[in-house]
Amino acid sequence: MIIVHAELTYAPTDVPEVARAMLHLAHATRRESGCLQYFVAYDLETPGCLRLQEVWSDEEALAAHFKTPHMADFVRQTSGLVRRSLRAKRYVASSALDLFPLR
């Protein structure tokens, strides 16, 4: 299992346009084989910052994601915008356990 945490920061004035492109990307990505979770959130403390949390079944599924038409669309739609930062980390996990299991 591959867990991705990413942070993309744009000029705050560009966030509505980025959000539209990201919404399309998220909906299409969730239908991909091997995508177990894909969440996008706006960081309320950092203007212009979007955070992604992704969970993939394996490296192959994640690699395939970067080759999809909807990923290419997102890159094309946001290429003219000012991205201030992009940070992403990939974690490899062997299992996931409930943090607060029901009793």
PDB file of N, CA and C in Angstrom:
ATOM      1  N   MET A   1       0.850  -1.165   0.000  1.00  0.00           N
ATOM      2  CA  MET A   1       0.000   0.000   0.000  1.00  0.00           C
ATOM      3  C   MET A   1       0.901   1.235   0.000  1.00  0.00           C
ATOM      4  N   ILE A   2       0.548   2.197  -0.852  1.00  0.00           N
ATOM      5  CA  ILE A   2       1.308   3.435  -0.979  1.00  0.00           C
ATOM      6  C   ILE A   2       0.432   4.587  -0.497  1.00  0.00           C
ATOM      7  N   ILE A   3       0.961   5.390   0.405  1.00  0.00           N
ATOM      8  CA  ILE A   3       0.250   6.554   0.930  1.00  0.00           C
ATOM      9  C   ILE A   3       1.002   7.794   0.468  1.00  0.00           C
ATOM     10  N   VAL A   4       0.282   8.715  -0.136  1.00  0.00           N
ATOM     11  CA  VAL A   4       0.881   9.955  -0.627  1.00  0.00           C
ATOM     12  C   VAL A   4       0.280  11.125   0.142  1.00  0.00           C
ATOM     13  N   HIS A   5       1.148  11.988   0.638  1.00  0.00           N
ATOM     14  CA  HIS A   5       0.733  13.259   1.226  1.00  0.00           C
ATOM     15  C   HIS A   5       1.383  14.344   0.378  1.00  0.00           C
ATOM     16  N   ALA A   6       0.559  15.229  -0.174  1.00  0.00           N
ATOM     17  CA  ALA A   6       1.080  16.290  -1.031  1.00  0.00           C
ATOM     18  C   ALA A   6       0.509  17.634  -0.607  1.00  0.00           C
ATOM     19  N   GLU A   7       1.287  18.659  -0.865  1.00  0.00           N
ATOM     20  CA  GLU A   7       0.893  20.035  -0.555  1.00  0.00           C
ATOM     21  C   GLU A   7       1.228  20.887  -1.765  1.00  0.00           C
ATOM     22  N   LEU A   8       0.218  21.523  -2.338  1.00  0.00           N
ATOM     23  CA  LEU A   8       0.396  22.414  -3.477  1.00  0.00           C
ATOM     24  C   LEU A   8      -0.053  23.798  -3.047  1.00  0.00           C
ATOM     25  N   THR A   9       0.793  24.790  -3.226  1.00  0.00           N
ATOM     26  CA  THR A   9       0.436  26.149  -2.844  1.00  0.00           C
ATOM     27  C   THR A   9       0.480  27.046  -4.075  1.00  0.00           C
ATOM     28  N   TYR A  10      -0.640  27.728  -4.313  1.00  0.00           N
ATOM     29  CA  TYR A  10      -0.795  28.648  -5.434  1.00  0.00           C
ATOM     30  C   TYR A  10      -1.082  30.038  -4.893  1.00  0.00           C
ATOM     31  N   ALA A  11      -1.024  31.013  -5.759  1.00  0.00           N
ATOM     32  CA  ALA A  11      -1.469  32.352  -5.375  1.00  0.00           C
ATOM     33  C   ALA A  11      -2.930  32.239  -4.948  1.00  0.00           C
ATOM     34  N   PRO A  12      -3.314  32.835  -3.834  1.00  0.00           N
ATOM     35  CA  PRO A  12      -4.697  32.718  -3.364  1.00  0.00           C
ATOM     36  C   PRO A  12      -5.738  33.108  -4.417  1.00  0.00           C
ATOM     37  N   THR A  13      -5.400  34.040  -5.288  1.00  0.00           N
ATOM     38  CA  THR A  13      -6.343  34.440  -6.338  1.00  0.00           C
ATOM     39  C   THR A  13      -6.550  33.351  -7.379  1.00  0.00           C
ATOM     40  N   ASP A  14      -5.627  32.392  -7.469  1.00  0.00           N
ATOM     41  CA  ASP A  14      -5.737  31.293  -8.433  1.00  0.00           C
ATOM     42  C   ASP A  14      -6.467  30.078  -7.869  1.00  0.00           C
ATOM     43  N   VAL A  15      -6.755  30.082  -6.574  1.00  0.00           N
ATOM     44  CA  VAL A  15      -7.352  28.899  -5.941  1.00  0.00           C
ATOM     45  C   VAL A  15      -8.677  28.479  -6.577  1.00  0.00           C
ATOM     46  N   PRO A  16      -9.599  29.390  -6.928  1.00  0.00           N
ATOM     47  CA  PRO A  16     -10.843  28.921  -7.554  1.00  0.00           C
ATOM     48  C   PRO A  16     -10.600  28.131  -8.841  1.00  0.00           C
ATOM     49  N   GLU A  17      -9.668  28.587  -9.660  1.00  0.00           N
ATOM     50  CA  GLU A  17      -9.359  27.878 -10.904  1.00  0.00           C
ATOM     51  C   GLU A  17      -8.686  26.536 -10.619  1.00  0.00           C
ATOM     52  N   VAL A  18      -7.759  26.521  -9.678  1.00  0.00           N
ATOM     53  CA  VAL A  18      -7.099  25.269  -9.288  1.00  0.00           C
ATOM     54  C   VAL A  18      -8.127  24.302  -8.714  1.00  0.00           C
ATOM     55  N   ALA A  19      -9.033  24.805  -7.893  1.00  0.00           N
ATOM     56  CA  ALA A  19     -10.043  23.950  -7.264  1.00  0.00           C
ATOM     57  C   ALA A  19     -10.938  23.291  -8.307  1.00  0.00           C
ATOM     58  N   ARG A  20     -11.328  24.027  -9.350  1.00  0.00           N
ATOM     59  CA  ARG A  20     -12.153  23.431 -10.419  1.00  0.00           C
ATOM     60  C   ARG A  20     -11.400  22.291 -11.099  1.00  0.00           C
ATOM     61  N   ALA A  21     -10.130  22.531 -11.424  1.00  0.00           N
ATOM     62  CA  ALA A  21      -9.321  21.498 -12.076  1.00  0.00           C
ATOM     63  C   ALA A  21      -9.094  20.319 -11.137  1.00  0.00           C
ATOM     64  N   MET A  22      -8.861  20.600  -9.862  1.00  0.00           N
ATOM     65  CA  MET A  22      -8.611  19.545  -8.876  1.00  0.00           C
ATOM     66  C   MET A  22      -9.859  18.699  -8.645  1.00  0.00           C
ATOM     67  N   LEU A  23     -11.030  19.315  -8.671  1.00  0.00           N
ATOM     68  CA  LEU A  23     -12.273  18.573  -8.480  1.00  0.00           C
ATOM     69  C   LEU A  23     -12.463  17.553  -9.599  1.00  0.00           C
ATOM     70  N   HIS A  24     -12.212  17.964 -10.834  1.00  0.00           N
ATOM     71  CA  HIS A  24     -12.291  17.033 -11.964  1.00  0.00           C
ATOM     72  C   HIS A  24     -11.267  15.910 -11.797  1.00  0.00           C
ATOM     73  N   LEU A  25     -10.047  16.270 -11.426  1.00  0.00           N
ATOM     74  CA  LEU A  25      -8.993  15.273 -11.225  1.00  0.00           C
ATOM     75  C   LEU A  25      -9.382  14.281 -10.134  1.00  0.00           C
ATOM     76  N   ALA A  26      -9.887  14.777  -9.025  1.00  0.00           N
ATOM     77  CA  ALA A  26     -10.247  13.902  -7.904  1.00  0.00           C
ATOM     78  C   ALA A  26     -11.348  12.924  -8.293  1.00  0.00           C
ATOM     79  N   HIS A  27     -12.391  13.415  -8.959  1.00  0.00           N
ATOM     80  CA  HIS A  27     -13.492  12.525  -9.357  1.00  0.00           C
ATOM     81  C   HIS A  27     -13.009  11.426 -10.296  1.00  0.00           C
ATOM     82  N   ALA A  28     -12.183  11.789 -11.263  1.00  0.00           N
ATOM     83  CA  ALA A  28     -11.671  10.792 -12.210  1.00  0.00           C
ATOM     84  C   ALA A  28     -10.692   9.838 -11.533  1.00  0.00           C
ATOM     85  N   THR A  29      -9.853  10.353 -10.661  1.00  0.00           N
ATOM     86  CA  THR A  29      -8.848   9.525  -9.990  1.00  0.00           C
ATOM     87  C   THR A  29      -9.500   8.468  -9.115  1.00  0.00           C
ATOM     88  N   ARG A  30     -10.565   8.828  -8.425  1.00  0.00           N
ATOM     89  CA  ARG A  30     -11.240   7.865  -7.537  1.00  0.00           C
ATOM     90  C   ARG A  30     -11.799   6.664  -8.290  1.00  0.00           C
ATOM     91  N   ARG A  31     -11.965   6.787  -9.600  1.00  0.00           N
ATOM     92  CA  ARG A  31     -12.452   5.665 -10.413  1.00  0.00           C
ATOM     93  C   ARG A  31     -11.316   4.787 -10.949  1.00  0.00           C
ATOM     94  N   GLU A  32     -10.077   5.183 -10.703  1.00  0.00           N
ATOM     95  CA  GLU A  32      -8.938   4.410 -11.200  1.00  0.00           C
ATOM     96  C   GLU A  32      -8.781   3.101 -10.438  1.00  0.00           C
ATOM     97  N   SER A  33      -8.359   2.089 -11.169  1.00  0.00           N
ATOM     98  CA  SER A  33      -8.022   0.815 -10.540  1.00  0.00           C
ATOM     99  C   SER A  33      -6.826   1.042  -9.621  1.00  0.00           C
ATOM    100  N   GLY A  34      -6.926   0.566  -8.399  1.00  0.00           N
ATOM    101  CA  GLY A  34      -5.819   0.710  -7.458  1.00  0.00           C
ATOM    102  C   GLY A  34      -5.886   1.938  -6.582  1.00  0.00           C
ATOM    103  N   CYS A  35      -6.821   2.851  -6.850  1.00  0.00           N
ATOM    104  CA  CYS A  35      -6.985   4.023  -5.986  1.00  0.00           C
ATOM    105  C   CYS A  35      -7.921   3.638  -4.848  1.00  0.00           C
ATOM    106  N   LEU A  36      -7.391   3.619  -3.638  1.00  0.00           N
ATOM    107  CA  LEU A  36      -8.184   3.240  -2.470  1.00  0.00           C
ATOM    108  C   LEU A  36      -8.790   4.465  -1.783  1.00  0.00           C
ATOM    109  N   GLN A  37      -8.090   5.594  -1.823  1.00  0.00           N
ATOM    110  CA  GLN A  37      -8.587   6.858  -1.265  1.00  0.00           C
ATOM    111  C   GLN A  37      -7.924   8.011  -2.003  1.00  0.00           C
ATOM    112  N   TYR A  38      -8.675   9.090  -2.157  1.00  0.00           N
ATOM    113  CA  TYR A  38      -8.117  10.298  -2.769  1.00  0.00           C
ATOM    114  C   TYR A  38      -8.890  11.486  -2.210  1.00  0.00           C
ATOM    115  N   PHE A  39      -8.257  12.252  -1.332  1.00  0.00           N
ATOM    116  CA  PHE A  39      -8.898  13.385  -0.679  1.00  0.00           C
ATOM    117  C   PHE A  39      -8.133  14.667  -0.972  1.00  0.00           C
ATOM    118  N   VAL A  40      -8.884  15.735  -1.172  1.00  0.00           N
ATOM    119  CA  VAL A  40      -8.300  17.056  -1.361  1.00  0.00           C
ATOM    120  C   VAL A  40      -8.915  17.978  -0.315  1.00  0.00           C
ATOM    121  N   ALA A  41      -8.088  18.781   0.333  1.00  0.00           N
ATOM    122  CA  ALA A  41      -8.580  19.724   1.338  1.00  0.00           C
ATOM    123  C   ALA A  41      -7.874  21.063   1.168  1.00  0.00           C
ATOM    124  N   TYR A  42      -8.603  22.123   1.462  1.00  0.00           N
ATOM    125  CA  TYR A  42      -8.032  23.462   1.466  1.00  0.00           C
ATOM    126  C   TYR A  42      -7.508  23.736   2.867  1.00  0.00           C
ATOM    127  N   ASP A  43      -6.274  24.163   2.964  1.00  0.00           N
ATOM    128  CA  ASP A  43      -5.660  24.465   4.257  1.00  0.00           C
ATOM    129  C   ASP A  43      -6.153  25.831   4.734  1.00  0.00           C
ATOM    130  N   LEU A  44      -6.918  25.846   5.798  1.00  0.00           N
ATOM    131  CA  LEU A  44      -7.502  27.086   6.308  1.00  0.00           C
ATOM    132  C   LEU A  44      -6.475  28.034   6.911  1.00  0.00           C
ATOM    133  N   GLU A  45      -5.307  27.521   7.249  1.00  0.00           N
ATOM    134  CA  GLU A  45      -4.277  28.354   7.874  1.00  0.00           C
ATOM    135  C   GLU A  45      -3.229  28.881   6.897  1.00  0.00           C
ATOM    136  N   THR A  46      -3.207  28.309   5.690  1.00  0.00           N
ATOM    137  CA  THR A  46      -2.207  28.714   4.702  1.00  0.00           C
ATOM    138  C   THR A  46      -2.922  29.113   3.415  1.00  0.00           C
ATOM    139  N   PRO A  47      -3.098  30.408   3.156  1.00  0.00           N
ATOM    140  CA  PRO A  47      -3.807  30.844   1.953  1.00  0.00           C
ATOM    141  C   PRO A  47      -3.193  30.263   0.681  1.00  0.00           C
ATOM    142  N   GLY A  48      -4.045  29.706  -0.166  1.00  0.00           N
ATOM    143  CA  GLY A  48      -3.605  29.161  -1.442  1.00  0.00           C
ATOM    144  C   GLY A  48      -3.114  27.734  -1.389  1.00  0.00           C
ATOM    145  N   CYS A  49      -3.140  27.106  -0.218  1.00  0.00           N
ATOM    146  CA  CYS A  49      -2.573  25.761  -0.061  1.00  0.00           C
ATOM    147  C   CYS A  49      -3.653  24.683  -0.127  1.00  0.00           C
ATOM    148  N   LEU A  50      -3.446  23.725  -1.005  1.00  0.00           N
ATOM    149  CA  LEU A  50      -4.296  22.544  -1.107  1.00  0.00           C
ATOM    150  C   LEU A  50      -3.488  21.344  -0.639  1.00  0.00           C
ATOM    151  N   ARG A  51      -4.120  20.471   0.116  1.00  0.00           N
ATOM    152  CA  ARG A  51      -3.451  19.264   0.613  1.00  0.00           C
ATOM    153  C   ARG A  51      -4.160  18.038   0.054  1.00  0.00           C
ATOM    154  N   LEU A  52      -3.360  17.072  -0.368  1.00  0.00           N
ATOM    155  CA  LEU A  52      -3.888  15.823  -0.901  1.00  0.00           C
ATOM    156  C   LEU A  52      -3.449  14.674  -0.024  1.00  0.00           C
ATOM    157  N   GLN A  53      -4.355  13.743   0.157  1.00  0.00           N
ATOM    158  CA  GLN A  53      -4.036  12.473   0.811  1.00  0.00           C
ATOM    159  C   GLN A  53      -4.531  11.386  -0.126  1.00  0.00           C
ATOM    160  N   GLU A  54      -3.619  10.537  -0.544  1.00  0.00           N
ATOM    161  CA  GLU A  54      -3.942   9.469  -1.486  1.00  0.00           C
ATOM    162  C   GLU A  54      -3.498   8.135  -0.901  1.00  0.00           C
ATOM    163  N   VAL A  55      -4.263   7.090  -1.185  1.00  0.00           N
ATOM    164  CA  VAL A  55      -3.865   5.734  -0.814  1.00  0.00           C
ATOM    165  C   VAL A  55      -4.033   4.875  -2.059  1.00  0.00           C
ATOM    166  N   TRP A  56      -2.957   4.197  -2.433  1.00  0.00           N
ATOM    167  CA  TRP A  56      -2.917   3.364  -3.637  1.00  0.00           C
ATOM    168  C   TRP A  56      -2.607   1.927  -3.249  1.00  0.00           C
ATOM    169  N   SER A  57      -3.102   0.999  -4.031  1.00  0.00           N
ATOM    170  CA  SER A  57      -2.877  -0.416  -3.731  1.00  0.00           C
ATOM    171  C   SER A  57      -1.407  -0.790  -3.861  1.00  0.00           C
ATOM    172  N   ASP A  58      -0.707  -0.180  -4.833  1.00  0.00           N
ATOM    173  CA  ASP A  58       0.700  -0.524  -5.055  1.00  0.00           C
ATOM    174  C   ASP A  58       1.371   0.541  -5.923  1.00  0.00           C
ATOM    175  N   GLU A  59       2.678   0.392  -6.110  1.00  0.00           N
ATOM    176  CA  GLU A  59       3.467   1.342  -6.905  1.00  0.00           C
ATOM    177  C   GLU A  59       2.976   1.418  -8.345  1.00  0.00           C
ATOM    178  N   GLU A  60       2.557   0.280  -8.902  1.00  0.00           N
ATOM    179  CA  GLU A  60       2.105   0.245 -10.287  1.00  0.00           C
ATOM    180  C   GLU A  60       0.864   1.110 -10.478  1.00  0.00           C
ATOM    181  N   ALA A  61      -0.060   1.048  -9.530  1.00  0.00           N
ATOM    182  CA  ALA A  61      -1.281   1.859  -9.623  1.00  0.00           C
ATOM    183  C   ALA A  61      -0.943   3.346  -9.558  1.00  0.00           C
ATOM    184  N   LEU A  62      -0.024   3.711  -8.681  1.00  0.00           N
ATOM    185  CA  LEU A  62       0.379   5.113  -8.576  1.00  0.00           C
ATOM    186  C   LEU A  62       1.078   5.568  -9.855  1.00  0.00           C
ATOM    187  N   ALA A  63       1.958   4.741 -10.388  1.00  0.00           N
ATOM    188  CA  ALA A  63       2.663   5.089 -11.626  1.00  0.00           C
ATOM    189  C   ALA A  63       1.678   5.259 -12.780  1.00  0.00           C
ATOM    190  N   ALA A  64       0.675   4.391 -12.851  1.00  0.00           N
ATOM    191  CA  ALA A  64      -0.335   4.484 -13.910  1.00  0.00           C
ATOM    192  C   ALA A  64      -1.135   5.783 -13.778  1.00  0.00           C
ATOM    193  N   HIS A  65      -1.380   6.206 -12.555  1.00  0.00           N
ATOM    194  CA  HIS A  65      -2.137   7.446 -12.304  1.00  0.00           C
ATOM    195  C   HIS A  65      -1.476   8.643 -12.984  1.00  0.00           C
ATOM    196  N   PHE A  66      -0.155   8.710 -12.925  1.00  0.00           N
ATOM    197  CA  PHE A  66       0.549   9.851 -13.505  1.00  0.00           C
ATOM    198  C   PHE A  66       0.495   9.865 -15.032  1.00  0.00           C
ATOM    199  N   LYS A  67       0.040   8.775 -15.644  1.00  0.00           N
ATOM    200  CA  LYS A  67      -0.044   8.677 -17.104  1.00  0.00           C
ATOM    201  C   LYS A  67      -1.468   8.818 -17.621  1.00  0.00           C
ATOM    202  N   THR A  68      -2.423   9.123 -16.756  1.00  0.00           N
ATOM    203  CA  THR A  68      -3.828   9.196 -17.162  1.00  0.00           C
ATOM    204  C   THR A  68      -4.136  10.511 -17.876  1.00  0.00           C
ATOM    205  N   PRO A  69      -5.157  10.489 -18.746  1.00  0.00           N
ATOM    206  CA  PRO A  69      -5.571  11.732 -19.410  1.00  0.00           C
ATOM    207  C   PRO A  69      -6.008  12.816 -18.419  1.00  0.00           C
ATOM    208  N   HIS A  70      -6.673  12.419 -17.338  1.00  0.00           N
ATOM    209  CA  HIS A  70      -7.134  13.452 -16.390  1.00  0.00           C
ATOM    210  C   HIS A  70      -5.969  14.089 -15.630  1.00  0.00           C
ATOM    211  N   MET A  71      -4.889  13.363 -15.432  1.00  0.00           N
ATOM    212  CA  MET A  71      -3.704  13.972 -14.816  1.00  0.00           C
ATOM    213  C   MET A  71      -3.079  14.970 -15.797  1.00  0.00           C
ATOM    214  N   ALA A  72      -3.005  14.578 -17.071  1.00  0.00           N
ATOM    215  CA  ALA A  72      -2.475  15.485 -18.096  1.00  0.00           C
ATOM    216  C   ALA A  72      -3.354  16.730 -18.211  1.00  0.00           C
ATOM    217  N   ASP A  73      -4.673  16.558 -18.106  1.00  0.00           N
ATOM    218  CA  ASP A  73      -5.591  17.701 -18.143  1.00  0.00           C
ATOM    219  C   ASP A  73      -5.320  18.658 -16.987  1.00  0.00           C
ATOM    220  N   PHE A  74      -5.122  18.104 -15.787  1.00  0.00           N
ATOM    221  CA  PHE A  74      -4.855  18.952 -14.623  1.00  0.00           C
ATOM    222  C   PHE A  74      -3.573  19.759 -14.824  1.00  0.00           C
ATOM    223  N   VAL A  75      -2.538  19.111 -15.293  1.00  0.00           N
ATOM    224  CA  VAL A  75      -1.265  19.802 -15.529  1.00  0.00           C
ATOM    225  C   VAL A  75      -1.458  20.912 -16.564  1.00  0.00           C
ATOM    226  N   ARG A  76      -2.185  20.602 -17.639  1.00  0.00           N
ATOM    227  CA  ARG A  76      -2.422  21.597 -18.686  1.00  0.00           C
ATOM    228  C   ARG A  76      -3.250  22.772 -18.150  1.00  0.00           C
ATOM    229  N   GLN A  77      -4.309  22.463 -17.394  1.00  0.00           N
ATOM    230  CA  GLN A  77      -5.209  23.508 -16.897  1.00  0.00           C
ATOM    231  C   GLN A  77      -4.546  24.421 -15.868  1.00  0.00           C
ATOM    232  N   THR A  78      -3.564  23.927 -15.161  1.00  0.00           N
ATOM    233  CA  THR A  78      -2.928  24.729 -14.107  1.00  0.00           C
ATOM    234  C   THR A  78      -1.531  25.227 -14.485  1.00  0.00           C
ATOM    235  N   SER A  79      -1.078  24.910 -15.686  1.00  0.00           N
ATOM    236  CA  SER A  79       0.299  25.259 -16.062  1.00  0.00           C
ATOM    237  C   SER A  79       0.534  26.762 -16.136  1.00  0.00           C
ATOM    238  N   GLY A  80      -0.485  27.542 -16.412  1.00  0.00           N
ATOM    239  CA  GLY A  80      -0.309  28.985 -16.505  1.00  0.00           C
ATOM    240  C   GLY A  80      -0.445  29.710 -15.180  1.00  0.00           C
ATOM    241  N   LEU A  81      -0.758  28.978 -14.133  1.00  0.00           N
ATOM    242  CA  LEU A  81      -0.946  29.584 -12.820  1.00  0.00           C
ATOM    243  C   LEU A  81       0.376  29.604 -12.057  1.00  0.00           C
ATOM    244  N   VAL A  82       0.470  30.486 -11.109  1.00  0.00           N
ATOM    245  CA  VAL A  82       1.698  30.616 -10.325  1.00  0.00           C
ATOM    246  C   VAL A  82       1.643  29.636  -9.160  1.00  0.00           C
ATOM    247  N   ARG A  83       2.429  28.568  -9.273  1.00  0.00           N
ATOM    248  CA  ARG A  83       2.525  27.609  -8.169  1.00  0.00           C
ATOM    249  C   ARG A  83       3.695  28.034  -7.299  1.00  0.00           C
ATOM    250  N   ARG A  84       3.411  28.303  -6.058  1.00  0.00           N
ATOM    251  CA  ARG A  84       4.453  28.769  -5.137  1.00  0.00           C
ATOM    252  C   ARG A  84       5.266  27.626  -4.561  1.00  0.00           C
ATOM    253  N   SER A  85       4.623  26.478  -4.387  1.00  0.00           N
ATOM    254  CA  SER A  85       5.375  25.328  -3.878  1.00  0.00           C
ATOM    255  C   SER A  85       4.637  24.043  -4.198  1.00  0.00           C
ATOM    256  N   LEU A  86       5.391  22.981  -4.241  1.00  0.00           N
ATOM    257  CA  LEU A  86       4.859  21.626  -4.403  1.00  0.00           C
ATOM    258  C   LEU A  86       5.739  20.714  -3.568  1.00  0.00           C
ATOM    259  N   ARG A  87       5.120  20.089  -2.595  1.00  0.00           N
ATOM    260  CA  ARG A  87       5.843  19.120  -1.767  1.00  0.00           C
ATOM    261  C   ARG A  87       5.005  17.862  -1.714  1.00  0.00           C
ATOM    262  N   ALA A  88       5.650  16.734  -1.903  1.00  0.00           N
ATOM    263  CA  ALA A  88       4.929  15.461  -1.853  1.00  0.00           C
ATOM    264  C   ALA A  88       5.860  14.379  -1.328  1.00  0.00           C
ATOM    265  N   LYS A  89       5.285  13.508  -0.536  1.00  0.00           N
ATOM    266  CA  LYS A  89       6.021  12.351  -0.006  1.00  0.00           C
ATOM    267  C   LYS A  89       5.186  11.109  -0.243  1.00  0.00           C
ATOM    268  N   ARG A  90       5.884  10.026  -0.519  1.00  0.00           N
ATOM    269  CA  ARG A  90       5.265   8.711  -0.718  1.00  0.00           C
ATOM    270  C   ARG A  90       5.731   7.816   0.420  1.00  0.00           C
ATOM    271  N   TYR A  91       4.778   7.165   1.062  1.00  0.00           N
ATOM    272  CA  TYR A  91       5.078   6.253   2.165  1.00  0.00           C
ATOM    273  C   TYR A  91       4.622   4.856   1.766  1.00  0.00           C
ATOM    274  N   VAL A  92       5.396   3.860   2.125  1.00  0.00           N
ATOM    275  CA  VAL A  92       5.038   2.469   1.865  1.00  0.00           C
ATOM    276  C   VAL A  92       4.568   1.867   3.184  1.00  0.00           C
ATOM    277  N   ALA A  93       3.358   1.318   3.174  1.00  0.00           N
ATOM    278  CA  ALA A  93       2.774   0.746   4.396  1.00  0.00           C
ATOM    279  C   ALA A  93       2.408  -0.713   4.157  1.00  0.00           C
ATOM    280  N   SER A  94       2.552  -1.515   5.184  1.00  0.00           N
ATOM    281  CA  SER A  94       2.207  -2.931   5.063  1.00  0.00           C
ATOM    282  C   SER A  94       0.793  -3.221   5.541  1.00  0.00           C
ATOM    283  N   SER A  95       0.227  -2.330   6.359  1.00  0.00           N
ATOM    284  CA  SER A  95      -1.146  -2.548   6.829  1.00  0.00           C
ATOM    285  C   SER A  95      -1.725  -1.237   7.335  1.00  0.00           C
ATOM    286  N   ALA A  96      -3.040  -1.244   7.517  1.00  0.00           N
ATOM    287  CA  ALA A  96      -3.742  -0.097   8.090  1.00  0.00           C
ATOM    288  C   ALA A  96      -4.682  -0.624   9.162  1.00  0.00           C
ATOM    289  N   LEU A  97      -4.607  -0.042  10.336  1.00  0.00           N
ATOM    290  CA  LEU A  97      -5.438  -0.470  11.456  1.00  0.00           C
ATOM    291  C   LEU A  97      -6.291   0.697  11.926  1.00  0.00           C
ATOM    292  N   ASP A  98      -7.499   0.396  12.402  1.00  0.00           N
ATOM    293  CA  ASP A  98      -8.354   1.437  12.957  1.00  0.00           C
ATOM    294  C   ASP A  98      -7.670   2.063  14.163  1.00  0.00           C
ATOM    295  N   LEU A  99      -7.659   3.365  14.208  1.00  0.00           N
ATOM    296  CA  LEU A  99      -7.060   4.063  15.335  1.00  0.00           C
ATOM    297  C   LEU A  99      -7.957   3.970  16.566  1.00  0.00           C
ATOM    298  N   PHE A 100      -9.252   4.062  16.342  1.00  0.00           N
ATOM    299  CA  PHE A 100     -10.223   3.980  17.432  1.00  0.00           C
ATOM    300  C   PHE A 100     -11.248   2.899  17.098  1.00  0.00           C
ATOM    301  N   PRO A 101     -10.917   1.635  17.288  1.00  0.00           N
ATOM    302  CA  PRO A 101     -11.865   0.567  16.943  1.00  0.00           C
ATOM    303  C   PRO A 101     -13.108   0.635  17.826  1.00  0.00           C
ATOM    304  N   LEU A 102     -14.233   0.218  17.248  1.00  0.00           N
ATOM    305  CA  LEU A 102     -15.479   0.151  18.018  1.00  0.00           C
ATOM    306  C   LEU A 102     -15.355  -0.903  19.095  1.00  0.00           C
ATOM    307  N   ARG A 103     -15.982  -0.664  20.212  1.00  0.00           N
ATOM    308  CA  ARG A 103     -15.913  -1.626  21.328  1.00  0.00           C
ATOM    309  C   ARG A 103     -17.134  -2.500  21.338  1.00  0.00           C
TER     310      ARG A 103
END
